[in-house]
Amino acid sequence: MQLSDKAKKVRIVILDVDGVLTDGSFGYTSNPEEEIKFFNAKDGHAMKMAMRGDLELGVISGRKSAANRKRFNELGISFFFERQKNKLECFEKLVAERGISPEECMYVGDDVIDIPLVRRCGIGVAVADAVPELLEVADLVTKEVGGRGAVREILVWLLKEQGKWDGLMERYYV
């Protein structure tokens, strides 16, 4: 099946965080419970546009982070699973609860922990600076690196493939 045909089936976009929505860097303040992360505003806007385009967006992350929770609450994403050491198990529960097939999902990752989901979803995406093992199995590789517009790139591509992009852009051309 062609990638564009697969794209038309996607209803849920699942993202990793560190290395996808951020560049993978994080720092700590003097409070050991606080973490500093930087998220790309253009990625965030594309996420909002995708949700307006009737895509469900969510996160499955291997780490627990208050910074992540704050950002995702701000964006209003549909689901956020953190501290998931077995992302595939979490994914299987998600599709079962929502009554959807894996083919209706797209996953974006950057490291070896993401390989099972990239292989299981209808479309598996690796960001440009992903590890070689993930790049080998991904259906699509972004031109942009994680935390620097890769999520926006893939969401714009998906919305265009689904014929939704032009309609979403109308509000900006007034």
C-alpha atoms as a PDB file:
ATOM      1  CA  MET A   1       0.000   0.000   0.000  1.00  0.00           C
ATOM      2  CA  GLN A   2       1.252   3.463  -0.905  1.00  0.00           C
ATOM      3  CA  LEU A   3       2.214   5.872   1.869  1.00  0.00           C
ATOM      4  CA  SER A   4      -0.421   8.387   0.748  1.00  0.00           C
ATOM      5  CA  ASP A   5      -3.109   5.674   1.071  1.00  0.00           C
ATOM      6  CA  LYS A   6      -1.846   4.849   4.562  1.00  0.00           C
ATOM      7  CA  ALA A   7      -1.935   8.559   5.474  1.00  0.00           C
ATOM      8  CA  LYS A   8      -5.623   8.789   4.644  1.00  0.00           C
ATOM      9  CA  LYS A   9      -6.372   6.149   7.292  1.00  0.00           C
ATOM     10  CA  VAL A  10      -4.539   7.920  10.144  1.00  0.00           C
ATOM     11  CA  ARG A  11      -6.791   9.203  12.935  1.00  0.00           C
ATOM     12  CA  ILE A  12      -4.326   9.303  15.825  1.00  0.00           C
ATOM     13  CA  VAL A  13      -0.802  10.732  15.890  1.00  0.00           C
ATOM     14  CA  ILE A  14       1.371   9.521  18.753  1.00  0.00           C
ATOM     15  CA  LEU A  15       4.568  11.349  19.620  1.00  0.00           C
ATOM     16  CA  ASP A  16       7.613  10.639  21.691  1.00  0.00           C
ATOM     17  CA  VAL A  17       8.879  13.654  23.653  1.00  0.00           C
ATOM     18  CA  ASP A  18      12.625  13.797  24.243  1.00  0.00           C
ATOM     19  CA  GLY A  19      14.347  13.941  20.877  1.00  0.00           C
ATOM     20  CA  VAL A  20      11.078  14.500  18.973  1.00  0.00           C
ATOM     21  CA  LEU A  21       9.200  17.390  20.580  1.00  0.00           C
ATOM     22  CA  THR A  22      12.448  18.578  22.162  1.00  0.00           C
ATOM     23  CA  ASP A  23      16.021  18.288  20.950  1.00  0.00           C
ATOM     24  CA  GLY A  24      16.597  15.668  23.637  1.00  0.00           C
ATOM     25  CA  SER A  25      18.328  18.054  26.030  1.00  0.00           C
ATOM     26  CA  PHE A  26      17.060  18.833  29.485  1.00  0.00           C
ATOM     27  CA  GLY A  27      18.493  20.595  32.490  1.00  0.00           C
ATOM     28  CA  TYR A  28      17.790  20.790  36.178  1.00  0.00           C
ATOM     29  CA  THR A  29      17.212  23.694  38.509  1.00  0.00           C
ATOM     30  CA  SER A  30      18.337  23.701  42.139  1.00  0.00           C
ATOM     31  CA  ASN A  31      15.090  21.877  42.887  1.00  0.00           C
ATOM     32  CA  PRO A  32      15.791  18.235  41.932  1.00  0.00           C
ATOM     33  CA  GLU A  33      12.107  17.775  41.032  1.00  0.00           C
ATOM     34  CA  GLU A  34      12.216  20.509  38.377  1.00  0.00           C
ATOM     35  CA  GLU A  35      13.371  19.980  34.841  1.00  0.00           C
ATOM     36  CA  ILE A  36      13.874  22.524  32.080  1.00  0.00           C
ATOM     37  CA  LYS A  37      12.920  21.633  28.522  1.00  0.00           C
ATOM     38  CA  PHE A  38      12.467  23.659  25.382  1.00  0.00           C
ATOM     39  CA  PHE A  39       9.597  22.940  23.025  1.00  0.00           C
ATOM     40  CA  ASN A  40       9.286  24.340  19.510  1.00  0.00           C
ATOM     41  CA  ALA A  41       6.398  26.822  19.146  1.00  0.00           C
ATOM     42  CA  LYS A  42       5.888  25.911  15.480  1.00  0.00           C
ATOM     43  CA  ASP A  43       5.510  22.248  16.424  1.00  0.00           C
ATOM     44  CA  GLY A  44       2.938  23.295  19.014  1.00  0.00           C
ATOM     45  CA  HIS A  45       0.947  25.354  16.529  1.00  0.00           C
ATOM     46  CA  ALA A  46       0.938  22.489  14.044  1.00  0.00           C
ATOM     47  CA  MET A  47      -0.349  20.217  16.808  1.00  0.00           C
ATOM     48  CA  LYS A  48      -3.235  22.622  17.435  1.00  0.00           C
ATOM     49  CA  MET A  49      -3.967  22.759  13.695  1.00  0.00           C
ATOM     50  CA  ALA A  50      -3.937  18.954  13.477  1.00  0.00           C
ATOM     51  CA  MET A  51      -6.427  18.750  16.339  1.00  0.00           C
ATOM     52  CA  ARG A  52      -8.649  21.269  14.525  1.00  0.00           C
ATOM     53  CA  GLY A  53      -8.328  18.937  11.534  1.00  0.00           C
ATOM     54  CA  ASP A  54      -9.933  16.148  13.573  1.00  0.00           C
ATOM     55  CA  LEU A  55      -6.737  14.280  14.324  1.00  0.00           C
ATOM     56  CA  GLU A  56      -6.261  13.004  17.825  1.00  0.00           C
ATOM     57  CA  LEU A  57      -2.801  13.763  19.229  1.00  0.00           C
ATOM     58  CA  GLY A  58      -1.104  12.157  22.170  1.00  0.00           C
ATOM     59  CA  VAL A  59       2.183  11.207  23.741  1.00  0.00           C
ATOM     60  CA  ILE A  60       3.808   8.024  24.953  1.00  0.00           C
ATOM     61  CA  SER A  61       7.014   8.888  26.806  1.00  0.00           C
ATOM     62  CA  GLY A  62       9.549   6.783  28.607  1.00  0.00           C
ATOM     63  CA  ARG A  63      10.237   9.544  31.138  1.00  0.00           C
ATOM     64  CA  LYS A  64       8.155  11.313  33.750  1.00  0.00           C
ATOM     65  CA  SER A  65       8.390  15.093  33.618  1.00  0.00           C
ATOM     66  CA  ALA A  66       6.428  18.000  35.061  1.00  0.00           C
ATOM     67  CA  ALA A  67       7.607  20.131  32.114  1.00  0.00           C
ATOM     68  CA  ASN A  68       5.987  17.668  29.732  1.00  0.00           C
ATOM     69  CA  ARG A  69       2.724  17.665  31.678  1.00  0.00           C
ATOM     70  CA  LYS A  70       2.625  21.459  31.681  1.00  0.00           C
ATOM     71  CA  ARG A  71       3.204  21.702  27.922  1.00  0.00           C
ATOM     72  CA  PHE A  72       0.672  19.021  27.002  1.00  0.00           C
ATOM     73  CA  ASN A  73      -2.002  20.438  29.283  1.00  0.00           C
ATOM     74  CA  GLU A  74      -1.410  23.797  27.598  1.00  0.00           C
ATOM     75  CA  LEU A  75      -1.821  22.230  24.140  1.00  0.00           C
ATOM     76  CA  GLY A  76      -4.844  20.159  25.136  1.00  0.00           C
ATOM     77  CA  ILE A  77      -3.691  16.872  23.622  1.00  0.00           C
ATOM     78  CA  SER A  78      -5.946  13.833  23.966  1.00  0.00           C
ATOM     79  CA  PHE A  79      -3.692  11.566  26.012  1.00  0.00           C
ATOM     80  CA  PHE A  80      -0.336  11.573  27.738  1.00  0.00           C
ATOM     81  CA  PHE A  81       1.306   8.427  29.043  1.00  0.00           C
ATOM     82  CA  GLU A  82       4.598   8.881  30.851  1.00  0.00           C
ATOM     83  CA  ARG A  83       7.178   6.557  32.384  1.00  0.00           C
ATOM     84  CA  GLN A  84       6.340   3.897  29.800  1.00  0.00           C
ATOM     85  CA  LYS A  85       9.282   1.534  29.580  1.00  0.00           C
ATOM     86  CA  ASN A  86       7.300  -0.767  27.295  1.00  0.00           C
ATOM     87  CA  LYS A  87       5.726   1.622  24.813  1.00  0.00           C
ATOM     88  CA  LEU A  88       4.262  -1.189  22.701  1.00  0.00           C
ATOM     89  CA  GLU A  89       2.282  -2.531  25.654  1.00  0.00           C
ATOM     90  CA  CYS A  90       0.934   0.964  26.342  1.00  0.00           C
ATOM     91  CA  PHE A  91       0.038   1.361  22.663  1.00  0.00           C
ATOM     92  CA  GLU A  92      -1.824  -1.959  22.545  1.00  0.00           C
ATOM     93  CA  LYS A  93      -3.944  -0.871  25.522  1.00  0.00           C
ATOM     94  CA  LEU A  94      -4.614   2.490  23.851  1.00  0.00           C
ATOM     95  CA  VAL A  95      -5.887   1.029  20.572  1.00  0.00           C
ATOM     96  CA  ALA A  96      -7.982  -1.561  22.429  1.00  0.00           C
ATOM     97  CA  GLU A  97      -9.596   1.122  24.629  1.00  0.00           C
ATOM     98  CA  ARG A  98     -10.322   3.372  21.641  1.00  0.00           C
ATOM     99  CA  GLY A  99     -11.501   0.533  19.415  1.00  0.00           C
ATOM    100  CA  ILE A 100      -9.183   1.435  16.556  1.00  0.00           C
ATOM    101  CA  SER A 101      -6.643  -0.473  14.515  1.00  0.00           C
ATOM    102  CA  PRO A 102      -2.870   0.153  14.566  1.00  0.00           C
ATOM    103  CA  GLU A 103      -3.171   1.142  10.886  1.00  0.00           C
ATOM    104  CA  GLU A 104      -5.127   4.222  12.003  1.00  0.00           C
ATOM    105  CA  CYS A 105      -2.128   5.439  13.993  1.00  0.00           C
ATOM    106  CA  MET A 106       1.073   7.256  13.135  1.00  0.00           C
ATOM    107  CA  TYR A 107       3.992   7.259  15.545  1.00  0.00           C
ATOM    108  CA  VAL A 108       6.994   9.615  15.595  1.00  0.00           C
ATOM    109  CA  GLY A 109      10.165   8.616  17.438  1.00  0.00           C
ATOM    110  CA  ASP A 110      13.927   9.037  17.612  1.00  0.00           C
ATOM    111  CA  ASP A 111      15.542   6.135  19.485  1.00  0.00           C
ATOM    112  CA  VAL A 112      15.624   2.338  19.737  1.00  0.00           C
ATOM    113  CA  ILE A 113      12.843   2.283  22.349  1.00  0.00           C
ATOM    114  CA  ASP A 114      10.578   3.569  19.556  1.00  0.00           C
ATOM    115  CA  ILE A 115      11.282   0.758  17.072  1.00  0.00           C
ATOM    116  CA  PRO A 116       8.362  -1.484  18.128  1.00  0.00           C
ATOM    117  CA  LEU A 117       5.845   1.342  17.711  1.00  0.00           C
ATOM    118  CA  VAL A 118       7.317   2.580  14.439  1.00  0.00           C
ATOM    119  CA  ARG A 119       6.956  -0.950  13.094  1.00  0.00           C
ATOM    120  CA  ARG A 120       3.466  -1.532  14.560  1.00  0.00           C
ATOM    121  CA  CYS A 121       1.674   1.663  13.495  1.00  0.00           C
ATOM    122  CA  GLY A 122       0.184   2.324  10.076  1.00  0.00           C
ATOM    123  CA  ILE A 123       2.908   4.917   9.520  1.00  0.00           C
ATOM    124  CA  GLY A 124       6.133   4.932  11.503  1.00  0.00           C
ATOM    125  CA  VAL A 125       8.190   8.113  11.397  1.00  0.00           C
ATOM    126  CA  ALA A 126      11.746   8.831  12.491  1.00  0.00           C
ATOM    127  CA  VAL A 127      13.042  12.358  12.975  1.00  0.00           C
ATOM    128  CA  ALA A 128      16.104  13.244  10.869  1.00  0.00           C
ATOM    129  CA  ASP A 129      18.552  12.862  13.755  1.00  0.00           C
ATOM    130  CA  ALA A 130      17.146   9.547  14.987  1.00  0.00           C
ATOM    131  CA  VAL A 131      19.460   6.639  15.712  1.00  0.00           C
ATOM    132  CA  PRO A 132      20.447   4.553  12.652  1.00  0.00           C
ATOM    133  CA  GLU A 133      18.481   1.513  13.826  1.00  0.00           C
ATOM    134  CA  LEU A 134      15.235   3.506  13.800  1.00  0.00           C
ATOM    135  CA  LEU A 135      16.003   5.207  10.502  1.00  0.00           C
ATOM    136  CA  GLU A 136      16.283   1.741   8.929  1.00  0.00           C
ATOM    137  CA  VAL A 137      12.749   0.655   9.895  1.00  0.00           C
ATOM    138  CA  ALA A 138      10.801   3.938   9.542  1.00  0.00           C
ATOM    139  CA  ASP A 139       8.296   4.443   6.732  1.00  0.00           C
ATOM    140  CA  LEU A 140       9.176   8.129   6.633  1.00  0.00           C
ATOM    141  CA  VAL A 141      12.101  10.242   7.847  1.00  0.00           C
ATOM    142  CA  THR A 142      11.689  13.964   8.435  1.00  0.00           C
ATOM    143  CA  LYS A 143      14.087  16.533   7.024  1.00  0.00           C
ATOM    144  CA  GLU A 144      13.990  18.487  10.288  1.00  0.00           C
ATOM    145  CA  VAL A 145      15.567  17.240  13.501  1.00  0.00           C
ATOM    146  CA  GLY A 146      13.737  16.633  16.761  1.00  0.00           C
ATOM    147  CA  GLY A 147      12.741  19.771  18.643  1.00  0.00           C
ATOM    148  CA  ARG A 148      13.400  21.932  15.590  1.00  0.00           C
ATOM    149  CA  GLY A 149      10.264  21.523  13.503  1.00  0.00           C
ATOM    150  CA  ALA A 150      10.146  17.786  12.766  1.00  0.00           C
ATOM    151  CA  VAL A 151       6.681  17.447  14.302  1.00  0.00           C
ATOM    152  CA  ARG A 152       5.359  20.406  12.320  1.00  0.00           C
ATOM    153  CA  GLU A 153       6.842  18.942   9.132  1.00  0.00           C
ATOM    154  CA  ILE A 154       5.165  15.576   9.573  1.00  0.00           C
ATOM    155  CA  LEU A 155       1.815  17.029  10.659  1.00  0.00           C
ATOM    156  CA  VAL A 156       1.685  19.403   7.685  1.00  0.00           C
ATOM    157  CA  TRP A 157       2.514  16.466   5.401  1.00  0.00           C
ATOM    158  CA  LEU A 158      -0.247  14.354   6.960  1.00  0.00           C
ATOM    159  CA  LEU A 159      -2.841  17.131   6.802  1.00  0.00           C
ATOM    160  CA  LYS A 160      -2.005  17.751   3.146  1.00  0.00           C
ATOM    161  CA  GLU A 161      -2.237  14.034   2.337  1.00  0.00           C
ATOM    162  CA  GLN A 162      -5.652  13.947   4.000  1.00  0.00           C
ATOM    163  CA  GLY A 163      -6.818  17.012   2.047  1.00  0.00           C
ATOM    164  CA  LYS A 164      -7.312  19.091   5.196  1.00  0.00           C
ATOM    165  CA  TRP A 165      -4.453  21.593   4.981  1.00  0.00           C
ATOM    166  CA  ASP A 166      -6.030  24.184   2.699  1.00  0.00           C
ATOM    167  CA  GLY A 167      -9.188  24.368   4.799  1.00  0.00           C
ATOM    168  CA  LEU A 168      -7.177  24.785   7.981  1.00  0.00           C
ATOM    169  CA  MET A 169      -5.142  27.575   6.403  1.00  0.00           C
ATOM    170  CA  GLU A 170      -8.179  29.643   5.317  1.00  0.00           C
ATOM    171  CA  ARG A 171      -8.394  31.462   8.646  1.00  0.00           C
ATOM    172  CA  TYR A 172      -4.883  32.867   8.144  1.00  0.00           C
ATOM    173  CA  TYR A 173      -5.558  34.368   4.711  1.00  0.00           C
ATOM    174  CA  VAL A 174      -8.290  36.847   5.732  1.00  0.00           C
END
